[in-house]
Amino acid sequence: AASNSLDAKYLEHLRTMARAALGFDVVLYTTDFGNLANMQRGSQNGSSLLTLGDFGPGSNVTESLEGQQAMNPPGLNVPMCSEYYSGWYTYWGQKGATNTSSAAAAATLREMLDRGMSVSVYMAHGGTNFGAWAGANVRDGNDPEDYVPLVTSYDYSAPISEHGRHNIGSDGIDKFLSLRSILVPGGGAADEPPFIPTKAYGGVQLPWSASLLDNLAAVSGTPLTAASPLHLEAVDPLATFILYSFPSANLHRAMPSTLLLSLSDLRDRGHVLLGARPVGVMLRSSGAKPLPIPAGP
């Protein structure tokens, strides 16, 4: 989805790369929020790149279909919801895990099938964001600072939970059974495999620890020197963290009083240290407000 982007040149670059790698027997399409305005921002008119819409329960299905019809050539417009949000993600700082209505999810699914649409349920089965793969989102497409990093769990309030059982929606209804009754009306669905047993492991003791700064050589690559800070992708696109360092003694020789550290393009969060001493945390979600750096060594 590229509905928050107006970078047509970048989109064309991706389409060209995909065609070169996959050939012309593969259908390429974009998926954007289900309305024409978002589709125009994130896709291209014509047959070289088709456009599909995505949305969740209670959305205006007609609006998404009309948007697709305006974007796709006659005969190549597939009435489909490419991502039907069965739930939603959970982000850091949120009050509890997201849980959405099973009845609402079932109602919009029924509407789509009654209208002869195809649908991909996203997510059908909740999952886990391992390592640094959790990602982030922007809640308000008009405010890039309304930034929310996602938690490790991607249970998503999906019909099948992260640990393989049925999720119960915010209305107390079994979401898996609600959707299955529409997809397989009158019964006849295959038997479910047995649930994976769960167990309480109690408290877990972590008796060992190691200082990150004392072990940089073991966990990082070759240090780089640059006239100005490089963004992480320019150093290593697969890296998780990047450490920027500047001799603090040079800072305080130039200006011995308290300094204000400003970062104009912080993309997530930055932990600031003076030597090995933590000074503070700067967050994109709070507009990366300037951070006072105390004087002295």
C-alpha atoms as a PDB file:
ATOM      1  CA  ALA A   1       0.000   0.000   0.000  1.00  0.00           C
ATOM      2  CA  ALA A   2       1.302   3.424  -0.899  1.00  0.00           C
ATOM      3  CA  SER A   3      -1.729   5.574  -0.164  1.00  0.00           C
ATOM      4  CA  ASN A   4       0.309   7.874   2.072  1.00  0.00           C
ATOM      5  CA  SER A   5       2.760   8.542  -0.744  1.00  0.00           C
ATOM      6  CA  LEU A   6       2.719  10.814  -3.752  1.00  0.00           C
ATOM      7  CA  ASP A   7       5.978   9.453  -5.141  1.00  0.00           C
ATOM      8  CA  ALA A   8       4.906   8.290  -8.597  1.00  0.00           C
ATOM      9  CA  LYS A   9       8.532   7.928  -9.708  1.00  0.00           C
ATOM     10  CA  TYR A  10       9.294   5.506  -6.871  1.00  0.00           C
ATOM     11  CA  LEU A  11       6.144   3.487  -7.623  1.00  0.00           C
ATOM     12  CA  GLU A  12       7.144   3.193 -11.276  1.00  0.00           C
ATOM     13  CA  HIS A  13      10.630   2.086 -10.192  1.00  0.00           C
ATOM     14  CA  LEU A  14       9.101  -0.726  -8.103  1.00  0.00           C
ATOM     15  CA  ARG A  15       6.827  -1.786 -10.973  1.00  0.00           C
ATOM     16  CA  THR A  16       9.776  -1.934 -13.382  1.00  0.00           C
ATOM     17  CA  MET A  17      11.829  -4.003 -10.927  1.00  0.00           C
ATOM     18  CA  ALA A  18       8.962  -6.437 -10.360  1.00  0.00           C
ATOM     19  CA  ARG A  19       8.368  -6.877 -14.087  1.00  0.00           C
ATOM     20  CA  ALA A  20      12.060  -7.520 -14.697  1.00  0.00           C
ATOM     21  CA  ALA A  21      12.140 -10.185 -11.984  1.00  0.00           C
ATOM     22  CA  LEU A  22       8.728 -11.822 -12.518  1.00  0.00           C
ATOM     23  CA  GLY A  23       8.028 -11.390 -16.217  1.00  0.00           C
ATOM     24  CA  PHE A  24       4.670 -10.551 -17.788  1.00  0.00           C
ATOM     25  CA  ASP A  25       2.693 -13.647 -16.776  1.00  0.00           C
ATOM     26  CA  VAL A  26       2.267 -12.316 -13.236  1.00  0.00           C
ATOM     27  CA  VAL A  27      -0.484  -9.828 -12.383  1.00  0.00           C
ATOM     28  CA  LEU A  28       0.831  -6.811 -10.495  1.00  0.00           C
ATOM     29  CA  TYR A  29      -1.534  -4.798  -8.334  1.00  0.00           C
ATOM     30  CA  THR A  30      -1.489  -2.255  -5.542  1.00  0.00           C
ATOM     31  CA  THR A  31      -3.682  -2.276  -2.484  1.00  0.00           C
ATOM     32  CA  ASP A  32      -4.830   0.974  -0.930  1.00  0.00           C
ATOM     33  CA  PHE A  33      -7.552   2.155   1.410  1.00  0.00           C
ATOM     34  CA  GLY A  34     -10.921   1.653  -0.243  1.00  0.00           C
ATOM     35  CA  ASN A  35     -11.639   4.978  -1.906  1.00  0.00           C
ATOM     36  CA  LEU A  36     -10.602   6.705  -5.117  1.00  0.00           C
ATOM     37  CA  ALA A  37      -8.524   9.446  -3.462  1.00  0.00           C
ATOM     38  CA  ASN A  38      -6.215   6.934  -1.786  1.00  0.00           C
ATOM     39  CA  MET A  39      -6.035   4.745  -4.878  1.00  0.00           C
ATOM     40  CA  GLN A  40      -4.963   7.706  -6.999  1.00  0.00           C
ATOM     41  CA  ARG A  41      -2.172   8.437  -4.549  1.00  0.00           C
ATOM     42  CA  GLY A  42      -0.928   4.858  -4.356  1.00  0.00           C
ATOM     43  CA  SER A  43      -1.459   3.297  -7.776  1.00  0.00           C
ATOM     44  CA  GLN A  44      -1.437   3.940 -11.528  1.00  0.00           C
ATOM     45  CA  ASN A  45      -4.215   4.011 -14.085  1.00  0.00           C
ATOM     46  CA  GLY A  46      -3.911   1.403 -16.809  1.00  0.00           C
ATOM     47  CA  SER A  47      -3.324  -2.285 -17.366  1.00  0.00           C
ATOM     48  CA  SER A  48       0.350  -2.443 -16.329  1.00  0.00           C
ATOM     49  CA  LEU A  49      -0.527  -2.097 -12.638  1.00  0.00           C
ATOM     50  CA  LEU A  50      -4.011  -2.913 -11.412  1.00  0.00           C
ATOM     51  CA  THR A  51      -5.659  -1.343  -8.380  1.00  0.00           C
ATOM     52  CA  LEU A  52      -7.476  -3.049  -5.520  1.00  0.00           C
ATOM     53  CA  GLY A  53      -9.000  -1.629  -2.357  1.00  0.00           C
ATOM     54  CA  ASP A  54      -8.745  -2.737   1.256  1.00  0.00           C
ATOM     55  CA  PHE A  55     -10.964  -1.926   4.210  1.00  0.00           C
ATOM     56  CA  GLY A  56     -12.501  -3.248   7.410  1.00  0.00           C
ATOM     57  CA  PRO A  57     -15.904  -3.930   8.961  1.00  0.00           C
ATOM     58  CA  GLY A  58     -18.478  -1.195   8.524  1.00  0.00           C
ATOM     59  CA  SER A  59     -16.680   0.399   5.571  1.00  0.00           C
ATOM     60  CA  ASN A  60     -18.393   1.688   2.445  1.00  0.00           C
ATOM     61  CA  VAL A  61     -17.995  -1.266   0.083  1.00  0.00           C
ATOM     62  CA  THR A  62     -19.539   0.639  -2.830  1.00  0.00           C
ATOM     63  CA  GLU A  63     -16.969   3.428  -2.489  1.00  0.00           C
ATOM     64  CA  SER A  64     -14.118   0.954  -2.820  1.00  0.00           C
ATOM     65  CA  LEU A  65     -15.643  -0.758  -5.859  1.00  0.00           C
ATOM     66  CA  GLU A  66     -16.269   2.582  -7.579  1.00  0.00           C
ATOM     67  CA  GLY A  67     -12.686   3.616  -6.927  1.00  0.00           C
ATOM     68  CA  GLN A  68     -11.373   0.412  -8.507  1.00  0.00           C
ATOM     69  CA  GLN A  69     -13.661   0.861 -11.500  1.00  0.00           C
ATOM     70  CA  ALA A  70     -12.280   4.348 -12.077  1.00  0.00           C
ATOM     71  CA  MET A  71      -8.676   3.127 -11.900  1.00  0.00           C
ATOM     72  CA  ASN A  72      -8.767  -0.158 -13.831  1.00  0.00           C
ATOM     73  CA  PRO A  73      -9.387  -0.729 -17.569  1.00  0.00           C
ATOM     74  CA  PRO A  74     -12.675  -2.380 -18.633  1.00  0.00           C
ATOM     75  CA  GLY A  75     -12.441  -6.140 -18.387  1.00  0.00           C
ATOM     76  CA  LEU A  76      -9.563  -6.006 -15.919  1.00  0.00           C
ATOM     77  CA  ASN A  77     -11.413  -4.750 -12.874  1.00  0.00           C
ATOM     78  CA  VAL A  78     -11.702  -7.516 -10.259  1.00  0.00           C
ATOM     79  CA  PRO A  79     -14.367  -6.842  -7.604  1.00  0.00           C
ATOM     80  CA  MET A  80     -12.254  -7.716  -4.594  1.00  0.00           C
ATOM     81  CA  CYS A  81     -11.201  -6.589  -1.168  1.00  0.00           C
ATOM     82  CA  SER A  82      -7.481  -7.345  -1.168  1.00  0.00           C
ATOM     83  CA  GLU A  83      -7.175  -6.994   2.620  1.00  0.00           C
ATOM     84  CA  TYR A  84     -10.286  -7.321   4.732  1.00  0.00           C
ATOM     85  CA  TYR A  85      -9.249  -6.231   8.205  1.00  0.00           C
ATOM     86  CA  SER A  86     -10.598  -8.883  10.569  1.00  0.00           C
ATOM     87  CA  GLY A  87      -9.209  -6.823  13.474  1.00  0.00           C
ATOM     88  CA  TRP A  88      -6.412  -4.297  13.883  1.00  0.00           C
ATOM     89  CA  TYR A  89      -2.893  -3.981  15.226  1.00  0.00           C
ATOM     90  CA  THR A  90      -1.819  -3.025  18.757  1.00  0.00           C
ATOM     91  CA  TYR A  91       0.780  -0.296  19.291  1.00  0.00           C
ATOM     92  CA  TRP A  92       3.089   0.703  22.133  1.00  0.00           C
ATOM     93  CA  GLY A  93       1.365   2.918  24.670  1.00  0.00           C
ATOM     94  CA  GLN A  94      -2.105   1.666  23.810  1.00  0.00           C
ATOM     95  CA  LYS A  95      -4.422   0.827  26.708  1.00  0.00           C
ATOM     96  CA  GLY A  96      -4.748  -2.935  26.243  1.00  0.00           C
ATOM     97  CA  ALA A  97      -4.663  -5.141  23.153  1.00  0.00           C
ATOM     98  CA  THR A  98      -6.961  -4.296  20.256  1.00  0.00           C
ATOM     99  CA  ASN A  99     -10.206  -6.293  20.176  1.00  0.00           C
ATOM    100  CA  THR A 100     -12.877  -5.694  17.540  1.00  0.00           C
ATOM    101  CA  SER A 101     -16.464  -6.812  16.996  1.00  0.00           C
ATOM    102  CA  SER A 102     -17.107 -10.272  15.558  1.00  0.00           C
ATOM    103  CA  ALA A 103     -20.633  -9.351  14.449  1.00  0.00           C
ATOM    104  CA  ALA A 104     -19.378  -6.327  12.503  1.00  0.00           C
ATOM    105  CA  ALA A 105     -16.665  -8.404  10.811  1.00  0.00           C
ATOM    106  CA  ALA A 106     -19.253 -11.006   9.813  1.00  0.00           C
ATOM    107  CA  ALA A 107     -21.767  -8.448   8.512  1.00  0.00           C
ATOM    108  CA  THR A 108     -19.397  -6.754   6.054  1.00  0.00           C
ATOM    109  CA  LEU A 109     -18.013 -10.129   4.931  1.00  0.00           C
ATOM    110  CA  ARG A 110     -21.553 -11.257   4.151  1.00  0.00           C
ATOM    111  CA  GLU A 111     -22.221  -8.049   2.210  1.00  0.00           C
ATOM    112  CA  MET A 112     -19.142  -8.575   0.037  1.00  0.00           C
ATOM    113  CA  LEU A 113     -20.004 -12.187  -0.771  1.00  0.00           C
ATOM    114  CA  ASP A 114     -23.629 -11.268  -1.518  1.00  0.00           C
ATOM    115  CA  ARG A 115     -22.278  -8.767  -4.062  1.00  0.00           C
ATOM    116  CA  GLY A 116     -20.141 -11.422  -5.759  1.00  0.00           C
ATOM    117  CA  MET A 117     -16.817 -10.086  -4.496  1.00  0.00           C
ATOM    118  CA  SER A 118     -13.637 -11.976  -3.763  1.00  0.00           C
ATOM    119  CA  VAL A 119     -11.999 -11.314  -0.420  1.00  0.00           C
ATOM    120  CA  SER A 120      -8.717 -11.957   1.351  1.00  0.00           C
ATOM    121  CA  VAL A 121      -9.148 -11.968   5.129  1.00  0.00           C
ATOM    122  CA  TYR A 122      -6.239 -10.122   6.732  1.00  0.00           C
ATOM    123  CA  MET A 123      -5.403 -11.461   9.203  1.00  0.00           C
ATOM    124  CA  ALA A 124      -7.035 -14.904   9.208  1.00  0.00           C
ATOM    125  CA  HIS A 125      -4.486 -16.128  11.766  1.00  0.00           C
ATOM    126  CA  GLY A 126      -2.716 -13.797  14.179  1.00  0.00           C
ATOM    127  CA  GLY A 127       1.058 -13.994  14.401  1.00  0.00           C
ATOM    128  CA  THR A 128       4.178 -12.702  16.088  1.00  0.00           C
ATOM    129  CA  ASN A 129       6.576  -9.925  15.046  1.00  0.00           C
ATOM    130  CA  PHE A 130       9.914 -11.538  15.807  1.00  0.00           C
ATOM    131  CA  GLY A 131      13.102  -9.534  16.246  1.00  0.00           C
ATOM    132  CA  ALA A 132      12.816  -6.030  14.825  1.00  0.00           C
ATOM    133  CA  TRP A 133      10.110  -6.884  12.281  1.00  0.00           C
ATOM    134  CA  ALA A 134       7.205  -5.304  14.157  1.00  0.00           C
ATOM    135  CA  GLY A 135       7.197  -2.167  12.016  1.00  0.00           C
ATOM    136  CA  ALA A 136       5.080   0.896  12.643  1.00  0.00           C
ATOM    137  CA  ASN A 137       2.211   2.863  11.197  1.00  0.00           C
ATOM    138  CA  VAL A 138       0.878   6.399  10.971  1.00  0.00           C
ATOM    139  CA  ARG A 139      -2.641   6.648  12.372  1.00  0.00           C
ATOM    140  CA  ASP A 140      -3.448   9.892  10.572  1.00  0.00           C
ATOM    141  CA  GLY A 141      -2.192  10.031   6.983  1.00  0.00           C
ATOM    142  CA  ASN A 142      -2.241  13.817   7.152  1.00  0.00           C
ATOM    143  CA  ASP A 143       0.046  13.947  10.186  1.00  0.00           C
ATOM    144  CA  PRO A 144       3.323  12.054   9.728  1.00  0.00           C
ATOM    145  CA  GLU A 145       4.155  12.640  13.386  1.00  0.00           C
ATOM    146  CA  ASP A 146       1.109  10.613  14.498  1.00  0.00           C
ATOM    147  CA  TYR A 147       3.463   7.656  14.533  1.00  0.00           C
ATOM    148  CA  VAL A 148       2.769   4.381  16.335  1.00  0.00           C
ATOM    149  CA  PRO A 149       5.347   1.563  16.597  1.00  0.00           C
ATOM    150  CA  LEU A 150       3.709  -1.856  16.851  1.00  0.00           C
ATOM    151  CA  VAL A 151       4.160  -4.348  19.678  1.00  0.00           C
ATOM    152  CA  THR A 152       5.726  -7.798  19.338  1.00  0.00           C
ATOM    153  CA  SER A 153       2.350  -9.555  19.229  1.00  0.00           C
ATOM    154  CA  TYR A 154       0.420  -9.406  15.953  1.00  0.00           C
ATOM    155  CA  ASP A 155      -2.594 -11.290  17.294  1.00  0.00           C
ATOM    156  CA  TYR A 156      -4.646  -8.634  15.448  1.00  0.00           C
ATOM    157  CA  SER A 157      -7.922  -9.779  17.037  1.00  0.00           C
ATOM    158  CA  ALA A 158      -7.984 -12.192  14.076  1.00  0.00           C
ATOM    159  CA  PRO A 159     -10.425 -15.136  13.844  1.00  0.00           C
ATOM    160  CA  ILE A 160      -7.566 -17.462  14.835  1.00  0.00           C
ATOM    161  CA  SER A 161      -5.474 -16.078  17.651  1.00  0.00           C
ATOM    162  CA  GLU A 162      -1.712 -15.784  17.833  1.00  0.00           C
ATOM    163  CA  HIS A 163      -1.535 -19.065  19.770  1.00  0.00           C
ATOM    164  CA  GLY A 164      -3.951 -20.937  17.491  1.00  0.00           C
ATOM    165  CA  ARG A 165      -7.276 -20.760  19.340  1.00  0.00           C
ATOM    166  CA  HIS A 166     -10.488 -18.958  18.435  1.00  0.00           C
ATOM    167  CA  ASN A 167     -10.466 -15.268  19.253  1.00  0.00           C
ATOM    168  CA  ILE A 168     -13.496 -13.829  21.018  1.00  0.00           C
ATOM    169  CA  GLY A 169     -14.487 -10.388  19.713  1.00  0.00           C
ATOM    170  CA  SER A 170     -15.211  -7.287  21.750  1.00  0.00           C
ATOM    171  CA  ASP A 171     -18.911  -8.239  21.608  1.00  0.00           C
ATOM    172  CA  GLY A 172     -18.251 -11.617  23.279  1.00  0.00           C
ATOM    173  CA  ILE A 173     -18.878 -13.586  20.061  1.00  0.00           C
ATOM    174  CA  ASP A 174     -16.495 -16.221  18.683  1.00  0.00           C
ATOM    175  CA  LYS A 175     -14.966 -14.503  15.632  1.00  0.00           C
ATOM    176  CA  PHE A 176     -13.738 -17.694  13.963  1.00  0.00           C
ATOM    177  CA  LEU A 177     -17.160 -19.345  14.094  1.00  0.00           C
ATOM    178  CA  SER A 178     -18.865 -16.128  12.967  1.00  0.00           C
ATOM    179  CA  LEU A 179     -16.805 -15.868   9.782  1.00  0.00           C
ATOM    180  CA  ARG A 180     -16.799 -19.589   9.092  1.00  0.00           C
ATOM    181  CA  SER A 181     -20.610 -19.732   9.235  1.00  0.00           C
ATOM    182  CA  ILE A 182     -20.663 -17.257   6.320  1.00  0.00           C
ATOM    183  CA  LEU A 183     -17.855 -18.836   4.299  1.00  0.00           C
ATOM    184  CA  VAL A 184     -19.222 -22.375   4.798  1.00  0.00           C
ATOM    185  CA  PRO A 185     -22.988 -21.916   5.265  1.00  0.00           C
ATOM    186  CA  GLY A 186     -24.903 -24.937   6.514  1.00  0.00           C
ATOM    187  CA  GLY A 187     -21.830 -26.648   7.948  1.00  0.00           C
ATOM    188  CA  GLY A 188     -19.589 -29.065   6.101  1.00  0.00           C
ATOM    189  CA  ALA A 189     -16.293 -27.459   7.131  1.00  0.00           C
ATOM    190  CA  ALA A 190     -13.359 -29.776   7.793  1.00  0.00           C
ATOM    191  CA  ASP A 191     -12.644 -30.758  11.357  1.00  0.00           C
ATOM    192  CA  GLU A 192     -10.291 -28.452  13.197  1.00  0.00           C
ATOM    193  CA  PRO A 193      -6.963 -29.771  14.445  1.00  0.00           C
ATOM    194  CA  PRO A 194      -6.698 -29.998  18.237  1.00  0.00           C
ATOM    195  CA  PHE A 195      -5.652 -26.852  20.015  1.00  0.00           C
ATOM    196  CA  ILE A 196      -2.021 -26.630  21.075  1.00  0.00           C
ATOM    197  CA  PRO A 197      -1.957 -27.070  24.870  1.00  0.00           C
ATOM    198  CA  THR A 198      -0.825 -24.092  26.905  1.00  0.00           C
ATOM    199  CA  LYS A 199       1.091 -23.967  30.167  1.00  0.00           C
ATOM    200  CA  ALA A 200       1.949 -21.337  32.755  1.00  0.00           C
ATOM    201  CA  TYR A 201       5.716 -21.228  33.174  1.00  0.00           C
ATOM    202  CA  GLY A 202       5.706 -18.865  36.137  1.00  0.00           C
ATOM    203  CA  GLY A 203       8.443 -16.309  36.722  1.00  0.00           C
ATOM    204  CA  VAL A 204      11.554 -16.469  34.546  1.00  0.00           C
ATOM    205  CA  GLN A 205      14.834 -15.428  36.149  1.00  0.00           C
ATOM    206  CA  LEU A 206      17.394 -13.529  34.068  1.00  0.00           C
ATOM    207  CA  PRO A 207      20.542 -13.607  36.210  1.00  0.00           C
ATOM    208  CA  TRP A 208      23.014 -12.509  33.517  1.00  0.00           C
ATOM    209  CA  SER A 209      23.430  -9.224  31.712  1.00  0.00           C
ATOM    210  CA  ALA A 210      26.053  -7.444  29.630  1.00  0.00           C
ATOM    211  CA  SER A 211      26.672  -3.798  28.816  1.00  0.00           C
ATOM    212  CA  LEU A 212      25.949  -2.916  25.198  1.00  0.00           C
ATOM    213  CA  LEU A 213      28.677  -0.279  25.100  1.00  0.00           C
ATOM    214  CA  ASP A 214      31.234  -2.745  26.472  1.00  0.00           C
ATOM    215  CA  ASN A 215      30.389  -5.250  23.741  1.00  0.00           C
ATOM    216  CA  LEU A 216      30.050  -3.100  20.630  1.00  0.00           C
ATOM    217  CA  ALA A 217      32.869  -4.869  18.815  1.00  0.00           C
ATOM    218  CA  ALA A 218      31.072  -8.189  19.198  1.00  0.00           C
ATOM    219  CA  VAL A 219      27.644  -7.046  18.014  1.00  0.00           C
ATOM    220  CA  SER A 220      28.368  -4.388  15.396  1.00  0.00           C
ATOM    221  CA  GLY A 221      30.155  -4.058  12.094  1.00  0.00           C
ATOM    222  CA  THR A 222      33.100  -1.913  11.095  1.00  0.00           C
ATOM    223  CA  PRO A 223      32.740   1.683  12.353  1.00  0.00           C
ATOM    224  CA  LEU A 224      32.229   4.365   9.709  1.00  0.00           C
ATOM    225  CA  THR A 225      33.323   7.999   9.705  1.00  0.00           C
ATOM    226  CA  ALA A 226      31.219  10.610   7.942  1.00  0.00           C
ATOM    227  CA  ALA A 227      30.987  14.390   7.805  1.00  0.00           C
ATOM    228  CA  SER A 228      27.299  14.202   8.759  1.00  0.00           C
ATOM    229  CA  PRO A 229      25.093  11.415  10.161  1.00  0.00           C
ATOM    230  CA  LEU A 230      24.078   8.706   7.682  1.00  0.00           C
ATOM    231  CA  HIS A 231      20.592   7.229   7.793  1.00  0.00           C
ATOM    232  CA  LEU A 232      20.389   3.574   8.739  1.00  0.00           C
ATOM    233  CA  GLU A 233      19.585   2.292   5.240  1.00  0.00           C
ATOM    234  CA  ALA A 234      22.746   3.907   3.887  1.00  0.00           C
ATOM    235  CA  VAL A 235      24.811   1.954   6.415  1.00  0.00           C
ATOM    236  CA  ASP A 236      22.994  -1.409   6.447  1.00  0.00           C
ATOM    237  CA  PRO A 237      19.365  -1.822   5.252  1.00  0.00           C
ATOM    238  CA  LEU A 238      18.972  -4.937   7.435  1.00  0.00           C
ATOM    239  CA  ALA A 239      20.349  -3.383  10.606  1.00  0.00           C
ATOM    240  CA  THR A 240      18.163  -2.790  13.649  1.00  0.00           C
ATOM    241  CA  PHE A 241      20.007  -0.045  15.517  1.00  0.00           C
ATOM    242  CA  ILE A 242      22.673   2.485  14.648  1.00  0.00           C
ATOM    243  CA  LEU A 243      25.030   4.218  17.066  1.00  0.00           C
ATOM    244  CA  TYR A 244      26.103   7.798  16.300  1.00  0.00           C
ATOM    245  CA  SER A 245      28.984   9.154  18.351  1.00  0.00           C
ATOM    246  CA  PHE A 246      30.598  12.548  18.704  1.00  0.00           C
ATOM    247  CA  PRO A 247      33.381  13.488  21.154  1.00  0.00           C
ATOM    248  CA  SER A 248      31.508  15.123  24.024  1.00  0.00           C
ATOM    249  CA  ALA A 249      34.678  16.944  25.102  1.00  0.00           C
ATOM    250  CA  ASN A 250      34.619  18.843  21.807  1.00  0.00           C
ATOM    251  CA  LEU A 251      31.031  19.880  22.434  1.00  0.00           C
ATOM    252  CA  HIS A 252      31.720  21.382  25.828  1.00  0.00           C
ATOM    253  CA  ARG A 253      34.911  23.115  24.785  1.00  0.00           C
ATOM    254  CA  ALA A 254      32.869  24.932  22.151  1.00  0.00           C
ATOM    255  CA  MET A 255      29.967  25.734  24.482  1.00  0.00           C
ATOM    256  CA  PRO A 256      30.425  24.952  28.174  1.00  0.00           C
ATOM    257  CA  SER A 257      26.810  25.669  29.212  1.00  0.00           C
ATOM    258  CA  THR A 258      23.826  23.361  28.726  1.00  0.00           C
ATOM    259  CA  LEU A 259      23.164  22.452  25.083  1.00  0.00           C
ATOM    260  CA  LEU A 260      19.907  21.693  23.299  1.00  0.00           C
ATOM    261  CA  LEU A 261      20.093  18.670  21.008  1.00  0.00           C
ATOM    262  CA  SER A 262      17.685  18.904  18.039  1.00  0.00           C
ATOM    263  CA  LEU A 263      17.044  16.165  15.486  1.00  0.00           C
ATOM    264  CA  SER A 264      15.097  17.327  12.468  1.00  0.00           C
ATOM    265  CA  ASP A 265      14.306  13.952  10.906  1.00  0.00           C
ATOM    266  CA  LEU A 266      14.135  11.316  13.631  1.00  0.00           C
ATOM    267  CA  ARG A 267      12.296   8.322  12.175  1.00  0.00           C
ATOM    268  CA  ASP A 268      11.543   6.347  15.351  1.00  0.00           C
ATOM    269  CA  ARG A 269      13.311   6.898  18.686  1.00  0.00           C
ATOM    270  CA  GLY A 270      16.766   7.902  19.803  1.00  0.00           C
ATOM    271  CA  HIS A 271      18.485   7.135  23.111  1.00  0.00           C
ATOM    272  CA  VAL A 272      20.977   9.871  23.968  1.00  0.00           C
ATOM    273  CA  LEU A 273      24.023   9.168  26.137  1.00  0.00           C
ATOM    274  CA  LEU A 274      26.748  11.434  27.411  1.00  0.00           C
ATOM    275  CA  GLY A 275      29.667   9.069  27.602  1.00  0.00           C
ATOM    276  CA  ALA A 276      28.032   5.986  29.105  1.00  0.00           C
ATOM    277  CA  ARG A 277      25.442   7.999  31.055  1.00  0.00           C
ATOM    278  CA  PRO A 278      21.853   8.061  29.710  1.00  0.00           C
ATOM    279  CA  VAL A 279      20.603  11.626  29.195  1.00  0.00           C
ATOM    280  CA  GLY A 280      17.180  11.046  27.681  1.00  0.00           C
ATOM    281  CA  VAL A 281      15.028   9.590  24.922  1.00  0.00           C
ATOM    282  CA  MET A 282      13.825  11.471  21.833  1.00  0.00           C
ATOM    283  CA  LEU A 283      10.663  10.217  20.128  1.00  0.00           C
ATOM    284  CA  ARG A 284       9.251  10.824  16.677  1.00  0.00           C
ATOM    285  CA  SER A 285       5.769  10.502  18.157  1.00  0.00           C
ATOM    286  CA  SER A 286       6.379  13.552  20.356  1.00  0.00           C
ATOM    287  CA  GLY A 287       7.839  15.608  17.516  1.00  0.00           C
ATOM    288  CA  ALA A 288      11.432  14.889  18.631  1.00  0.00           C
ATOM    289  CA  LYS A 289      11.428  17.859  21.027  1.00  0.00           C
ATOM    290  CA  PRO A 290      14.908  19.308  21.700  1.00  0.00           C
ATOM    291  CA  LEU A 291      16.703  17.519  24.507  1.00  0.00           C
ATOM    292  CA  PRO A 292      18.819  19.457  27.067  1.00  0.00           C
ATOM    293  CA  ILE A 293      22.378  18.127  27.313  1.00  0.00           C
ATOM    294  CA  PRO A 294      23.884  19.084  30.670  1.00  0.00           C
ATOM    295  CA  ALA A 295      27.235  20.833  30.818  1.00  0.00           C
ATOM    296  CA  GLY A 296      30.284  19.080  32.141  1.00  0.00           C
ATOM    297  CA  PRO A 297      32.043  15.835  31.329  1.00  0.00           C
END
